[in-house]
Each structure stands twice: as structure tokens, then as C-alpha cells.
Amino acid sequence: MLHVGRPQDYPDDYGQWNRLYSVQEWPEEEVIQYDRHIQKTSYNQATITGAVVDWIKSFFPAGYFKRTRITTESAYGEFKSFMRNIYKLEKPFMIIDPQSITHDDESLFGQNMTDRYNFYDPGNEGIGPALIYSLPILKTDSIELVYRRNRFRFDFDMMIMEQNLDRQLNTYNMLLMRIRHNSKFTLDRTLPYLLPSKQMKFIAKVHGYEYGTEEFVRFLNSVSKYSIIMRVTPNGVVLHYMLVPTQLMCEVTGYPNRDTPETSNAIEWGARLTEEFIFKADVPSEFILMIPEKADFVPYEEIIDDTPDLITITNPDYADLDWPTEINGYTAAVKFDVEFQQGDDNKIAILPECYRTIDPDIRNVILECVQKKGKLSDLMLVRAYPNGSYMNAPAVFDDEGILTIGNPQVGKLYTIMVYINLGTINIIREGKNKQHIGTIEKY
């Protein structure tokens, strides 16, 4: 039964019956400032190279190669000199040659995301079109950080040098049986991508955190879509990486090639194996930091960008292990990751990292010990663990607060654990706080 009411049966509701949507005022127009940072292709190539090297080495037993050399670790002249002496080096070893990074012109991904939504007139066009295909990283009430992707192609040439013909044939057969040849497949990896240091420093200042501290990293992870980790270079530069699930599209175009030993097997100097791989991946290529225009913000131009110019290989992130939290009365107080690049000094200044993290009272005791040329080993103990291992790396910690790692591997991630002798430090602090009135001790 359909009932049609009269107009007077339904009086107008001007809000007193709470049956209408509340009228809200339009938000005030807000001016957004932004910073666009183009990611250096060398950083992305270093990330993909680290993943590729890790993938290739996973087919071999741990510690199989005496050394692994990446051609981009050094200048071409130095690498050429290295290649002249390969027959004299201890074998087996592996050399990986990453070719120049190229854009994948055949992908629809690139045509839609890169060609259509780039600036055509920077002086008169806003940033809006670039945000259409941008992906969020983190967002707060004060800032928003997003990134744009691009699809690149990475070509790799691999060479393995074995000691003799027998080992070469065994390795050749192993490559045939384990690696899928004449095929295309996808590798799923979670890879670390470098975040712009200048933008990260600005985010720290805006939100009242000290850059390079664990508190800042915890804050980032509380507002970020991706996990963010911190690494430190041997010269003390702090870098932040976001861990992004990435699909590496791999193509193995043929089968491995092998050389015969010299002088018709009469004298076996060595035997080479070569293979080619092609990888394609969507990698972060531009970071956009958006900032509401507010008078109380720190001027962005005053922040110094100290990101290293050259990073040749970025080690994929490993899960943290349960390293010891106490050793002979020393308690773990500071932990940070260090990654070496070619040409980096093997000496690491430990004290600056400690001063940013530990309690000020403990810091003052350690600082006074250094100033008075005291025995720092009575207060601190330092261990270097190759990431993913419980084995101690060969290292020496001196009374100046310098940790020297013996023959560090390029691209290898080392976790530095700093242990503090709280018992000794408390005795020193207690002695300083004592006051005597005659023979009576006053605290």
C-alpha cells in the first residue's frame, strides 16, 4: 500500500530535527611548497647490483669464492690493471660487470608514468600532474613525502675464474643444472632504496628530532608506509633507506660460455666461465617533499646535503640477529650498521655515534676519559659482526675511540655493537658526587 503524505505532514527541517547533514565551512586555502629531488641512477644501480650479486652467490656454497669483484668499485684503469693479473690471483673468484643503466622504452609503465606526467613548462605548470602516479612514503600534519617510479634495464656480465679444467667443468655443469637458461622469470626481493638526506634532515628538524638517532628512525617508522632503516658510512655520514618490495624481471638470454686452459691442457693456469643476465625493475626515480607554508618552519635552503656522490653497491637488508646483549660485564648500549664502498677508510669513529645515543652523564664520563688519555677499553667494548652472522669480524678498538676493521669487504654490511661497562662508570660517577665534611661522606 502506497501512502502519499500532504506537504504539511513533513515540515521543513532547518537543523532542529538533526536529520540533515551538518554544514561545514570550506577549509582555508593553503599554500603548499614542495621540493623535487631526482634520484641519482648510480644509487638505484647500486641497489640492484647488490641484489644481483647476492642472488648469483646464493647458487654457490657459502665462502666458495676467494673474492668477488664489481667493476664499478674503482676507476677503469685500476680494474684493467687488476684484470692483467687474474691468472696470479687465488682462485676461484667472480667478477661482475654492471653495464650502464638504460630506460626501458618498451614498457607501457614508462609511457604512462614518465612521458605523460613530466613537466612540459616548468615555469608555468604546477606539480599536480606529477602526483597522479606518485606513491606515498610517509605523511604527518606538517609534511608529506612521495616518490615516482621509472622502469630501468640493468645488464650484467659475469665471469668466474676456476683453478683448472676439472673444476671449470664442474662449475659449468652446476650453472646448467641450477640456473634457468633461455628463460624469463621474476625474483621477489625487498630492497633498500636511499632516501634524500636533505629531505630527511628537514623532516627531523620540523618534528623536533635529532638527525641520525634511533628515536628519529622510530618516528619515521611510525608514520611511514615502508620500513625505514639507518646506515652509517665509515666517515660518519648517516643514510636512511626505505625497504620496498620489488619485482626483478630477469632474462637469461643464453647458456654459459667457457674457455679452455692454455697450452692445450699441458699447463693449467686457469679456466674462465662467462654468462649474461638482464634485469628490469621499477625503481624510485624522484622524491617529492610537500610542505605547508608556515612561518615557524626551518628554512629548507639552510640544510646541507652530505649524501655521498658515489655508491657502487648496496647490500640487501638482512634480519637482525640476536647478538649478545652482555659480554663480561659490558652491556649493549649502541648498535648501528656500516657499509663500506671502494676507497673508504677501514677506520670507524665510534664515539660520535655513542654521543648521539647514550645518556649525557655516561657520555661525560667517556669524554673525560678520552681527554685525559685514559684507558677507554675499561669503559667500552666494541664488536663488529658481518650482518647475518654471529662471527666476530677482525677488528681493533683503540683508546682514541677508533675501530679498525681488518680487510673489510666492499658492499658488505657490518653491524657495530658498542658495550658499556656500567659498573665502572657508576663507580666513577659515585666518586665524583662524593663530598666530605671532615671524615663524613656527603652525597
Protein backbone atom coordinates (compact mmCIF):
# COMPACT_ATOMS: atom_id res chain seq x y z
CA MET A 1 0.00 0.00 0.00
CA LEU A 2 1.44 3.35 -1.04
CA HIS A 3 0.69 6.34 1.11
CA VAL A 4 1.35 9.85 -0.21
CA GLY A 5 1.52 12.42 2.52
CA ARG A 6 0.45 16.02 2.34
CA PRO A 7 3.12 18.76 2.23
CA GLN A 8 2.21 19.98 5.69
CA ASP A 9 2.85 16.50 7.10
CA TYR A 10 6.60 16.97 6.54
CA PRO A 11 7.68 20.36 7.81
CA ASP A 12 10.96 21.80 6.69
CA ASP A 13 13.96 20.78 8.77
CA TYR A 14 16.36 23.63 9.34
CA GLY A 15 18.58 21.61 11.62
CA GLN A 16 16.48 21.41 14.74
CA TRP A 17 15.49 17.79 14.00
CA ASN A 18 19.08 16.69 13.30
CA ARG A 19 18.01 14.92 10.14
CA LEU A 20 20.24 16.84 7.73
CA TYR A 21 23.95 16.76 7.08
CA SER A 22 25.77 19.37 9.05
CA VAL A 23 27.01 22.32 7.04
CA GLN A 24 30.77 22.62 7.22
CA GLU A 25 32.82 25.57 6.22
CA TRP A 26 35.27 25.17 3.38
CA PRO A 27 38.83 24.76 4.64
CA GLU A 28 41.03 27.74 4.20
CA GLU A 29 43.17 27.67 1.10
CA GLU A 30 46.67 26.52 1.99
CA VAL A 31 49.84 27.24 0.07
CA ILE A 32 51.97 24.11 -0.43
CA GLN A 33 55.67 24.37 -1.06
CA TYR A 34 57.50 21.38 -2.49
CA ASP A 35 60.94 20.06 -3.23
CA ARG A 36 61.57 17.66 -6.12
CA HIS A 37 64.67 15.50 -5.83
CA ILE A 38 65.76 13.41 -8.80
CA GLN A 39 67.36 10.18 -7.57
CA LYS A 40 70.84 9.53 -8.93
CA THR A 41 70.82 6.47 -11.16
CA SER A 42 74.04 5.27 -9.52
CA TYR A 43 72.14 4.78 -6.24
CA ASN A 44 69.49 2.62 -7.91
CA GLN A 45 72.14 0.70 -9.83
CA ALA A 46 73.99 0.08 -6.55
CA THR A 47 70.79 -1.33 -5.02
CA ILE A 48 70.05 -3.64 -7.95
CA THR A 49 73.71 -4.69 -8.16
CA GLY A 50 73.69 -5.70 -4.51
CA ALA A 51 70.58 -7.84 -5.07
CA VAL A 52 72.01 -9.45 -8.23
CA VAL A 53 75.35 -10.27 -6.61
CA ASP A 54 73.55 -11.77 -3.62
CA TRP A 55 71.33 -13.84 -5.95
CA ILE A 56 74.23 -15.20 -8.03
CA LYS A 57 76.30 -16.09 -4.96
CA SER A 58 73.31 -17.95 -3.48
CA PHE A 59 73.83 -20.72 -6.06
CA PHE A 60 77.25 -21.47 -4.58
CA PRO A 61 78.25 -22.72 -1.13
CA ALA A 62 79.00 -20.05 1.46
CA GLY A 63 82.58 -18.82 1.16
CA TYR A 64 83.12 -20.54 -2.19
CA PHE A 65 84.72 -17.53 -3.89
CA LYS A 66 88.02 -16.19 -2.58
CA ARG A 67 86.94 -12.74 -3.73
CA THR A 68 84.06 -11.06 -5.56
CA ARG A 69 84.91 -8.02 -7.63
CA ILE A 70 82.47 -5.45 -9.04
CA THR A 71 83.88 -3.48 -11.95
CA THR A 72 82.26 -0.24 -10.80
CA GLU A 73 84.11 -0.36 -7.47
CA SER A 74 87.10 1.51 -8.91
CA ALA A 75 88.32 3.51 -11.89
CA TYR A 76 88.64 1.74 -15.23
CA GLY A 77 92.43 1.99 -15.20
CA GLU A 78 92.67 0.23 -11.83
CA PHE A 79 90.29 -2.50 -12.93
CA LYS A 80 92.27 -3.00 -16.15
CA SER A 81 95.43 -3.46 -14.10
CA PHE A 82 93.55 -5.96 -11.92
CA MET A 83 92.48 -7.98 -14.98
CA ARG A 84 96.10 -8.31 -16.19
CA ASN A 85 96.93 -10.29 -13.07
CA ILE A 86 93.88 -12.54 -12.79
CA TYR A 87 95.92 -15.68 -13.51
CA LYS A 88 98.12 -14.94 -10.50
CA LEU A 89 95.25 -14.46 -8.05
CA GLU A 90 93.97 -17.12 -5.69
CA LYS A 91 91.02 -18.91 -7.29
CA PRO A 92 88.10 -19.29 -7.58
CA PHE A 93 86.87 -15.72 -7.82
CA MET A 94 83.96 -13.97 -9.51
CA ILE A 95 83.83 -10.68 -11.40
CA ILE A 96 80.52 -8.94 -12.14
CA ASP A 97 80.37 -6.10 -14.65
CA PRO A 98 77.20 -3.95 -14.44
CA GLN A 99 76.61 -2.16 -17.73
CA SER A 100 75.28 1.39 -17.98
CA ILE A 101 71.72 1.72 -16.76
CA THR A 102 69.16 2.28 -19.54
CA HIS A 103 65.48 3.22 -19.62
CA ASP A 104 63.07 0.51 -20.71
CA ASP A 105 61.43 2.21 -23.69
CA GLU A 106 59.15 -0.75 -24.45
CA SER A 107 57.19 -0.68 -21.21
CA LEU A 108 53.71 0.84 -21.05
CA PHE A 109 54.60 1.65 -17.46
CA GLY A 110 57.19 4.16 -18.63
CA GLN A 111 54.96 5.67 -21.32
CA ASN A 112 52.12 6.32 -18.89
CA MET A 113 54.02 7.32 -15.77
CA THR A 114 57.08 9.03 -17.18
CA ASP A 115 56.30 10.53 -20.57
CA ARG A 116 52.79 11.83 -19.86
CA TYR A 117 53.25 13.32 -16.42
CA ASN A 118 56.56 15.13 -16.68
CA PHE A 119 56.82 18.89 -16.86
CA TYR A 120 56.43 20.46 -20.26
CA ASP A 121 56.74 24.04 -18.98
CA PRO A 122 58.41 24.19 -15.54
CA GLY A 123 57.85 27.91 -15.15
CA ASN A 124 54.07 27.76 -15.53
CA GLU A 125 52.98 24.26 -14.64
CA GLY A 126 52.14 23.09 -11.15
CA ILE A 127 53.17 19.86 -9.52
CA GLY A 128 49.72 18.30 -9.69
CA PRO A 129 50.20 16.04 -12.75
CA ALA A 130 53.35 14.53 -11.24
CA LEU A 131 51.35 13.39 -8.20
CA ILE A 132 48.88 11.31 -10.21
CA TYR A 133 51.14 8.26 -10.27
CA SER A 134 53.14 9.08 -7.15
CA LEU A 135 53.23 6.61 -4.28
CA PRO A 136 53.19 7.73 -0.62
CA ILE A 137 56.13 7.13 1.70
CA LEU A 138 55.18 8.99 4.87
CA LYS A 139 52.79 11.70 5.96
CA THR A 140 52.30 13.85 9.05
CA ASP A 141 50.40 17.05 9.83
CA SER A 142 53.47 19.01 8.75
CA ILE A 143 54.91 17.25 5.68
CA GLU A 144 54.19 14.59 3.08
CA LEU A 145 56.82 12.61 1.19
CA VAL A 146 56.01 10.67 -2.00
CA TYR A 147 58.03 9.12 -4.81
CA ARG A 148 57.70 8.43 -8.53
CA ARG A 149 58.96 5.30 -10.23
CA ASN A 150 60.67 4.58 -13.50
CA ARG A 151 61.43 1.26 -15.18
CA PHE A 152 65.11 0.68 -15.93
CA ARG A 153 67.06 -2.11 -17.57
CA PHE A 154 70.21 -3.43 -15.92
CA ASP A 155 72.62 -5.63 -17.91
CA PHE A 156 75.18 -7.74 -16.05
CA ASP A 157 78.15 -9.72 -17.36
CA MET A 158 79.53 -12.37 -15.00
CA MET A 159 82.90 -14.08 -15.14
CA ILE A 160 84.08 -16.92 -12.88
CA MET A 161 87.74 -17.95 -12.84
CA GLU A 162 88.46 -21.52 -11.71
CA GLN A 163 91.84 -23.11 -10.98
CA ASN A 164 91.80 -25.93 -13.54
CA LEU A 165 89.77 -27.65 -16.23
CA ASP A 166 88.15 -30.18 -13.90
CA ARG A 167 86.75 -27.52 -11.56
CA GLN A 168 85.68 -25.41 -14.53
CA LEU A 169 83.64 -28.29 -15.98
CA ASN A 170 82.06 -28.96 -12.60
CA THR A 171 81.06 -25.31 -12.22
CA TYR A 172 79.80 -25.23 -15.82
CA ASN A 173 77.57 -28.22 -15.15
CA MET A 174 76.37 -26.67 -11.89
CA LEU A 175 75.33 -23.48 -13.70
CA LEU A 176 73.44 -25.52 -16.30
CA MET A 177 71.61 -27.54 -13.68
CA ARG A 178 70.72 -24.75 -11.23
CA ILE A 179 70.18 -21.52 -13.19
CA ARG A 180 67.25 -21.36 -15.60
CA HIS A 181 68.66 -20.50 -19.05
CA ASN A 182 66.95 -19.24 -22.19
CA SER A 183 64.15 -18.09 -19.97
CA LYS A 184 62.43 -15.17 -18.30
CA PHE A 185 61.33 -15.17 -14.66
CA THR A 186 60.70 -12.85 -11.74
CA LEU A 187 62.57 -12.52 -8.46
CA ASP A 188 60.71 -11.02 -5.49
CA ARG A 189 63.02 -9.05 -3.23
CA THR A 190 62.70 -6.38 -0.56
CA LEU A 191 65.40 -3.87 -1.44
CA PRO A 192 66.75 -0.77 0.35
CA TYR A 193 66.43 2.49 -1.60
CA LEU A 194 68.31 5.57 -0.46
CA LEU A 195 66.19 8.50 0.75
CA PRO A 196 67.44 12.06 0.06
CA SER A 197 69.46 13.21 3.06
CA LYS A 198 68.43 16.84 2.73
CA GLN A 199 64.74 15.97 2.86
CA MET A 200 65.27 13.61 5.79
CA LYS A 201 67.17 16.30 7.72
CA PHE A 202 64.32 18.73 7.11
CA ILE A 203 61.77 16.20 8.36
CA ALA A 204 63.85 15.69 11.52
CA LYS A 205 64.07 19.43 12.22
CA VAL A 206 60.37 20.08 11.59
CA HIS A 207 59.33 17.35 14.02
CA GLY A 208 61.93 18.16 16.69
CA TYR A 209 64.18 15.10 16.34
CA GLU A 210 67.93 14.92 16.15
CA TYR A 211 69.02 13.58 12.79
CA GLY A 212 70.88 10.29 12.92
CA THR A 213 69.35 8.94 16.13
CA GLU A 214 67.33 5.80 16.75
CA GLU A 215 64.47 7.94 18.08
CA PHE A 216 64.18 9.62 14.68
CA VAL A 217 64.15 6.23 12.94
CA ARG A 218 61.39 5.01 15.26
CA PHE A 219 59.38 8.15 14.48
CA LEU A 220 59.81 7.61 10.74
CA ASN A 221 58.59 4.03 11.01
CA SER A 222 55.53 5.17 12.97
CA VAL A 223 54.35 7.38 10.09
CA SER A 224 55.85 5.57 7.09
CA LYS A 225 54.26 3.07 4.75
CA TYR A 226 57.60 1.29 4.33
CA SER A 227 60.15 0.17 6.90
CA ILE A 228 62.99 2.67 7.18
CA ILE A 229 66.48 1.72 8.32
CA MET A 230 69.60 3.74 9.08
CA ARG A 231 73.14 3.02 7.93
CA VAL A 232 76.38 4.89 8.54
CA THR A 233 79.37 5.29 6.23
CA PRO A 234 82.86 4.86 7.72
CA ASN A 235 83.37 8.64 7.61
CA GLY A 236 80.25 9.19 9.73
CA VAL A 237 77.63 10.15 7.12
CA VAL A 238 74.17 8.92 8.18
CA LEU A 239 71.97 7.47 5.43
CA HIS A 240 68.35 6.36 5.57
CA TYR A 241 66.89 3.66 3.33
CA MET A 242 63.30 2.57 2.77
CA LEU A 243 62.68 -1.15 2.25
CA VAL A 244 60.42 -1.60 -0.78
CA PRO A 245 59.11 -4.94 -2.12
CA THR A 246 60.47 -5.09 -5.68
CA GLN A 247 59.94 -7.45 -8.57
CA LEU A 248 63.15 -8.06 -10.51
CA MET A 249 62.27 -9.24 -14.01
CA CYS A 250 65.21 -11.42 -15.03
CA GLU A 251 66.10 -12.66 -18.51
CA VAL A 252 68.87 -15.19 -19.16
CA THR A 253 69.43 -14.95 -22.91
CA GLY A 254 71.68 -17.97 -23.48
CA TYR A 255 73.93 -20.55 -21.91
CA PRO A 256 77.26 -20.02 -20.07
CA ASN A 257 80.41 -19.84 -22.16
CA ARG A 258 83.70 -21.43 -21.10
CA ASP A 259 87.31 -21.14 -22.16
CA THR A 260 89.84 -23.93 -22.48
CA PRO A 261 93.03 -23.80 -20.38
CA GLU A 262 96.16 -22.51 -22.06
CA THR A 263 98.78 -24.62 -23.88
CA SER A 264 96.38 -27.45 -24.71
CA ASN A 265 95.97 -28.68 -21.14
CA ALA A 266 99.72 -29.07 -20.67
CA ILE A 267 99.83 -26.30 -18.07
CA GLU A 268 96.57 -25.22 -16.44
CA TRP A 269 96.77 -21.56 -15.48
CA GLY A 270 93.07 -21.16 -15.03
CA ALA A 271 89.73 -21.57 -16.73
CA ARG A 272 87.05 -18.93 -17.26
CA LEU A 273 83.26 -19.10 -17.36
CA THR A 274 81.11 -16.20 -18.57
CA GLU A 275 77.38 -15.54 -18.53
CA GLU A 276 74.99 -12.65 -19.22
CA PHE A 277 71.90 -11.54 -17.30
CA ILE A 278 69.30 -8.84 -17.98
CA PHE A 279 67.21 -7.37 -15.16
CA LYS A 280 64.34 -4.90 -15.33
CA ALA A 281 62.85 -3.21 -12.30
CA ASP A 282 60.60 -0.32 -11.28
CA VAL A 283 62.78 1.81 -9.04
CA PRO A 284 62.23 5.14 -7.22
CA SER A 285 63.47 7.88 -9.53
CA GLU A 286 62.11 11.07 -7.98
CA PHE A 287 61.17 12.12 -4.45
CA ILE A 288 58.67 14.92 -3.81
CA LEU A 289 58.51 16.56 -0.37
CA MET A 290 55.42 18.72 0.16
CA ILE A 291 55.41 21.31 2.92
CA PRO A 292 52.61 23.67 4.02
CA GLU A 293 53.83 27.27 4.02
CA LYS A 294 54.31 28.15 7.68
CA ALA A 295 56.42 30.84 9.27
CA ASP A 296 57.80 28.60 12.01
CA PHE A 297 59.45 26.12 9.62
CA VAL A 298 63.21 25.92 9.36
CA PRO A 299 64.38 27.39 6.03
CA TYR A 300 64.89 24.46 3.69
CA GLU A 301 67.77 26.13 1.87
CA GLU A 302 69.90 26.20 5.03
CA ILE A 303 70.06 22.38 5.28
CA ILE A 304 73.25 20.83 3.93
CA ASP A 305 73.05 17.70 1.77
CA ASP A 306 76.01 15.43 2.57
CA THR A 307 74.88 12.36 0.59
CA PRO A 308 77.91 10.56 -0.88
CA ASP A 309 78.40 11.09 -4.61
CA LEU A 310 79.46 7.51 -5.29
CA ILE A 311 77.78 4.35 -4.02
CA THR A 312 78.75 1.30 -6.06
CA ILE A 313 76.87 -1.50 -4.30
CA THR A 314 74.14 -1.55 -1.65
CA ASN A 315 73.85 -4.71 0.38
CA PRO A 316 70.31 -6.08 0.68
CA ASP A 317 68.93 -5.81 4.19
CA TYR A 318 69.14 -8.85 6.42
CA ALA A 319 67.11 -9.58 9.53
CA ASP A 320 68.81 -8.54 12.75
CA LEU A 321 70.21 -11.43 14.74
CA ASP A 322 70.18 -11.91 18.49
CA TRP A 323 73.69 -10.66 19.07
CA PRO A 324 74.89 -10.78 22.70
CA THR A 325 73.46 -8.08 24.94
CA GLU A 326 76.13 -8.55 27.62
CA ILE A 327 79.79 -9.59 27.43
CA ASN A 328 81.92 -9.95 30.58
CA GLY A 329 80.03 -7.26 32.49
CA TYR A 330 79.72 -4.91 29.47
CA THR A 331 76.11 -4.11 28.48
CA ALA A 332 75.00 -3.35 24.91
CA ALA A 333 74.20 0.35 24.56
CA VAL A 334 74.60 1.35 20.89
CA LYS A 335 74.03 -0.53 17.63
CA PHE A 336 74.44 0.78 14.09
CA ASP A 337 75.16 -0.58 10.61
CA VAL A 338 78.17 0.37 8.50
CA GLU A 339 78.66 -0.36 4.82
CA PHE A 340 81.98 0.05 3.01
CA GLN A 341 82.44 1.33 -0.54
CA GLN A 342 85.59 1.14 -2.62
CA GLY A 343 88.20 3.60 -1.31
CA ASP A 344 86.60 4.00 2.13
CA ASP A 345 88.91 4.05 5.12
CA ASN A 346 88.63 0.93 7.29
CA LYS A 347 88.69 3.11 10.43
CA ILE A 348 85.36 3.99 12.07
CA ALA A 349 84.93 6.74 14.68
CA ILE A 350 82.77 5.11 17.35
CA LEU A 351 82.42 7.99 19.82
CA PRO A 352 80.26 10.33 17.64
CA GLU A 353 77.65 7.60 17.31
CA CYS A 354 77.75 6.97 21.05
CA TYR A 355 77.43 10.65 21.93
CA ARG A 356 74.23 10.92 19.89
CA THR A 357 72.60 7.97 21.65
CA ILE A 358 73.77 7.30 25.20
CA ASP A 359 72.83 9.13 28.40
CA PRO A 360 74.58 12.53 28.85
CA ASP A 361 76.02 11.54 32.25
CA ILE A 362 77.63 8.42 30.77
CA ARG A 363 78.78 10.43 27.77
CA ASN A 364 80.57 12.94 30.04
CA VAL A 365 82.49 10.15 31.81
CA ILE A 366 83.63 8.68 28.47
CA LEU A 367 84.54 12.10 27.11
CA GLU A 368 86.64 12.90 30.18
CA CYS A 369 88.40 9.54 29.86
CA VAL A 370 89.39 10.36 26.27
CA GLN A 371 90.52 13.89 27.14
CA LYS A 372 92.72 12.59 29.95
CA LYS A 373 94.23 9.87 27.70
CA GLY A 374 92.71 7.17 29.88
CA LYS A 375 92.17 3.52 29.03
CA LEU A 376 88.96 3.60 27.08
CA SER A 377 88.75 -0.19 26.97
CA ASP A 378 87.90 -0.16 30.70
CA LEU A 379 84.65 1.64 29.83
CA MET A 380 83.75 0.41 26.37
CA LEU A 381 83.88 -2.81 24.36
CA VAL A 382 83.18 -2.86 20.61
CA ARG A 383 82.34 -5.80 18.37
CA ALA A 384 81.82 -5.85 14.59
CA TYR A 385 79.55 -8.57 13.22
CA PRO A 386 79.14 -9.17 9.46
CA ASN A 387 75.41 -8.75 9.07
CA GLY A 388 73.65 -12.09 9.08
CA SER A 389 76.44 -13.77 11.06
CA TYR A 390 77.43 -14.29 14.69
CA MET A 391 81.13 -14.41 13.78
CA ASN A 392 83.27 -11.52 15.00
CA ALA A 393 84.97 -9.58 12.22
CA PRO A 394 88.70 -8.96 12.80
CA ALA A 395 88.77 -5.51 14.41
CA VAL A 396 90.83 -3.44 16.87
CA PHE A 397 89.39 -0.73 19.14
CA ASP A 398 91.92 1.80 20.45
CA ASP A 399 91.83 4.36 23.29
CA GLU A 400 91.07 7.18 20.85
CA GLY A 401 87.67 5.66 20.09
CA ILE A 402 88.63 4.39 16.62
CA LEU A 403 87.57 0.93 15.43
CA THR A 404 89.78 -0.54 12.71
CA ILE A 405 88.27 -3.42 10.73
CA GLY A 406 90.78 -5.68 9.01
CA ASN A 407 90.28 -6.01 5.24
CA PRO A 408 86.58 -5.05 5.10
CA GLN A 409 84.59 -6.34 2.13
CA VAL A 410 83.22 -3.77 -0.29
CA GLY A 411 79.43 -3.65 -0.14
CA LYS A 412 79.39 -5.81 2.98
CA LEU A 413 77.17 -4.66 5.82
CA TYR A 414 78.73 -4.72 9.31
CA THR A 415 76.69 -4.34 12.49
CA ILE A 416 78.68 -2.47 15.13
CA MET A 417 77.75 -3.28 18.73
CA VAL A 418 79.04 -0.95 21.45
CA TYR A 419 79.02 -2.30 25.01
CA ILE A 420 79.34 -0.07 28.10
CA ASN A 421 80.79 -1.12 31.47
CA LEU A 422 78.10 0.46 33.62
CA GLY A 423 79.69 -0.84 36.82
CA THR A 424 82.94 1.04 36.26
CA ILE A 425 81.13 4.15 35.03
CA ASN A 426 78.88 4.22 38.10
CA ILE A 427 81.91 3.92 40.40
CA ILE A 428 83.49 6.92 38.65
CA ARG A 429 80.28 8.92 38.88
CA GLU A 430 79.86 7.98 42.53
CA GLY A 431 83.36 9.15 43.32
CA LYS A 432 82.71 12.49 41.65
CA ASN A 433 79.49 13.04 43.59
CA LYS A 434 81.07 12.41 46.99
CA GLN A 435 81.70 15.35 49.26
CA HIS A 436 83.48 15.17 52.60
CA ILE A 437 82.69 17.15 55.73
CA GLY A 438 85.64 16.20 57.90
CA THR A 439 85.60 12.41 57.82
CA ILE A 440 81.92 12.20 56.90
CA GLU A 441 80.93 11.45 53.32
CA LYS A 442 78.07 13.55 51.96
CA TYR A 443 76.15 12.52 48.82
